[in-house]
Amino acid sequence: MRAKYGGRKSLGVRRQHTRKGGGSNIRKILQQLETARLVETTKGKGRTLTKEGRRVLDRIAVEVKEEIEKNLPELKKYP
């Protein structure tokens, strides 16, 4: 996740190079999700979503889709 949420580092005159993002904030977010029982640590796989975590994400996705369809009715044809 650090590589995914990293960015570019300006080196002045030289070309920019990608850098890893901070690990502390990612680790603390994942710990909070574990405390809320939305993510669990699985041996050999790392962290995975729990049943409740999947339910929350699905509920949010439906709400976002409905809100977008209100603003852009032409998107209703997509499932």
C-alpha atoms as a PDB file:
ATOM      1  CA  MET A   1       0.000   0.000   0.000  1.00  0.00           C
ATOM      2  CA  ARG A   2       2.916   2.320   0.583  1.00  0.00           C
ATOM      3  CA  ALA A   3       3.901   2.028  -3.082  1.00  0.00           C
ATOM      4  CA  LYS A   4       0.295   2.584  -4.203  1.00  0.00           C
ATOM      5  CA  TYR A   5      -0.173   5.762  -2.145  1.00  0.00           C
ATOM      6  CA  GLY A   6       3.261   7.204  -2.736  1.00  0.00           C
ATOM      7  CA  GLY A   7       3.985  10.030  -5.110  1.00  0.00           C
ATOM      8  CA  ARG A   8       6.640  11.881  -7.021  1.00  0.00           C
ATOM      9  CA  LYS A   9       9.588  13.598  -5.410  1.00  0.00           C
ATOM     10  CA  SER A  10      10.839  16.780  -6.983  1.00  0.00           C
ATOM     11  CA  LEU A  11      14.614  16.721  -7.370  1.00  0.00           C
ATOM     12  CA  GLY A  12      15.002  20.255  -8.659  1.00  0.00           C
ATOM     13  CA  VAL A  13      16.531  20.233 -12.139  1.00  0.00           C
ATOM     14  CA  ARG A  14      16.713  16.440 -12.341  1.00  0.00           C
ATOM     15  CA  ARG A  15      13.832  14.158 -13.278  1.00  0.00           C
ATOM     16  CA  GLN A  16      11.269  13.236 -10.657  1.00  0.00           C
ATOM     17  CA  HIS A  17      11.298   9.768  -9.108  1.00  0.00           C
ATOM     18  CA  THR A  18       8.488   7.950  -7.354  1.00  0.00           C
ATOM     19  CA  ARG A  19       8.692   7.465  -3.608  1.00  0.00           C
ATOM     20  CA  LYS A  20       6.801   5.246  -1.206  1.00  0.00           C
ATOM     21  CA  GLY A  21       4.095   6.813   0.931  1.00  0.00           C
ATOM     22  CA  GLY A  22       4.279   6.995   4.714  1.00  0.00           C
ATOM     23  CA  GLY A  23       3.627   3.692   6.436  1.00  0.00           C
ATOM     24  CA  SER A  24       2.521   5.051   9.801  1.00  0.00           C
ATOM     25  CA  ASN A  25      -0.790   6.498   8.635  1.00  0.00           C
ATOM     26  CA  ILE A  26      -1.632   3.373   6.591  1.00  0.00           C
ATOM     27  CA  ARG A  27      -0.813   1.124   9.555  1.00  0.00           C
ATOM     28  CA  LYS A  28      -2.948   3.196  11.953  1.00  0.00           C
ATOM     29  CA  ILE A  29      -5.913   3.191   9.554  1.00  0.00           C
ATOM     30  CA  LEU A  30      -5.717  -0.598   9.221  1.00  0.00           C
ATOM     31  CA  GLN A  31      -5.483  -0.961  13.004  1.00  0.00           C
ATOM     32  CA  GLN A  32      -8.625   1.161  13.413  1.00  0.00           C
ATOM     33  CA  LEU A  33     -10.435  -0.985  10.841  1.00  0.00           C
ATOM     34  CA  GLU A  34      -9.389  -4.094  12.772  1.00  0.00           C
ATOM     35  CA  THR A  35     -10.724  -2.567  15.999  1.00  0.00           C
ATOM     36  CA  ALA A  36     -14.045  -1.875  14.220  1.00  0.00           C
ATOM     37  CA  ARG A  37     -13.997  -5.518  13.044  1.00  0.00           C
ATOM     38  CA  LEU A  38     -14.154  -4.538   9.370  1.00  0.00           C
ATOM     39  CA  VAL A  39     -10.737  -6.056   8.593  1.00  0.00           C
ATOM     40  CA  GLU A  40      -9.065  -9.114  10.085  1.00  0.00           C
ATOM     41  CA  THR A  41      -5.527 -10.456   9.979  1.00  0.00           C
ATOM     42  CA  THR A  42      -5.300 -13.832   8.261  1.00  0.00           C
ATOM     43  CA  LYS A  43      -2.161 -15.878   8.672  1.00  0.00           C
ATOM     44  CA  GLY A  44      -0.303 -16.143   5.366  1.00  0.00           C
ATOM     45  CA  LYS A  45      -2.622 -13.705   3.549  1.00  0.00           C
ATOM     46  CA  GLY A  46      -2.267 -10.481   5.492  1.00  0.00           C
ATOM     47  CA  ARG A  47      -5.350  -8.378   6.162  1.00  0.00           C
ATOM     48  CA  THR A  48      -8.686  -9.273   4.578  1.00  0.00           C
ATOM     49  CA  LEU A  49     -12.193  -7.842   4.738  1.00  0.00           C
ATOM     50  CA  THR A  50     -14.628  -9.436   7.147  1.00  0.00           C
ATOM     51  CA  LYS A  51     -18.239 -10.188   6.298  1.00  0.00           C
ATOM     52  CA  GLU A  52     -19.295  -6.980   8.058  1.00  0.00           C
ATOM     53  CA  GLY A  53     -16.619  -4.987   6.195  1.00  0.00           C
ATOM     54  CA  ARG A  54     -17.874  -6.287   2.849  1.00  0.00           C
ATOM     55  CA  ARG A  55     -21.455  -5.412   3.861  1.00  0.00           C
ATOM     56  CA  VAL A  56     -20.455  -1.838   4.749  1.00  0.00           C
ATOM     57  CA  LEU A  57     -18.594  -1.350   1.459  1.00  0.00           C
ATOM     58  CA  ASP A  58     -21.499  -2.749  -0.552  1.00  0.00           C
ATOM     59  CA  ARG A  59     -23.945  -0.453   1.237  1.00  0.00           C
ATOM     60  CA  ILE A  60     -21.770   2.588   0.546  1.00  0.00           C
ATOM     61  CA  ALA A  61     -21.389   1.586  -3.119  1.00  0.00           C
ATOM     62  CA  VAL A  62     -25.182   1.390  -3.542  1.00  0.00           C
ATOM     63  CA  GLU A  63     -25.636   4.810  -1.920  1.00  0.00           C
ATOM     64  CA  VAL A  64     -22.985   6.373  -4.171  1.00  0.00           C
ATOM     65  CA  LYS A  65     -24.510   4.764  -7.278  1.00  0.00           C
ATOM     66  CA  GLU A  66     -27.984   6.072  -6.407  1.00  0.00           C
ATOM     67  CA  GLU A  67     -26.617   9.571  -5.798  1.00  0.00           C
ATOM     68  CA  ILE A  68     -24.769   9.559  -9.135  1.00  0.00           C
ATOM     69  CA  GLU A  69     -27.889   8.340 -10.955  1.00  0.00           C
ATOM     70  CA  LYS A  70     -29.851  11.288  -9.516  1.00  0.00           C
ATOM     71  CA  ASN A  71     -27.379  13.703 -11.064  1.00  0.00           C
ATOM     72  CA  LEU A  72     -26.776  11.739 -14.277  1.00  0.00           C
ATOM     73  CA  PRO A  73     -29.945   9.783 -15.183  1.00  0.00           C
ATOM     74  CA  GLU A  74     -28.331   8.353 -18.345  1.00  0.00           C
ATOM     75  CA  LEU A  75     -26.215   6.082 -16.101  1.00  0.00           C
ATOM     76  CA  LYS A  76     -29.280   4.123 -14.912  1.00  0.00           C
ATOM     77  CA  LYS A  77     -28.914   1.692 -17.807  1.00  0.00           C
ATOM     78  CA  TYR A  78     -25.698   0.308 -16.273  1.00  0.00           C
ATOM     79  CA  PRO A  79     -26.131  -2.380 -13.574  1.00  0.00           C
END
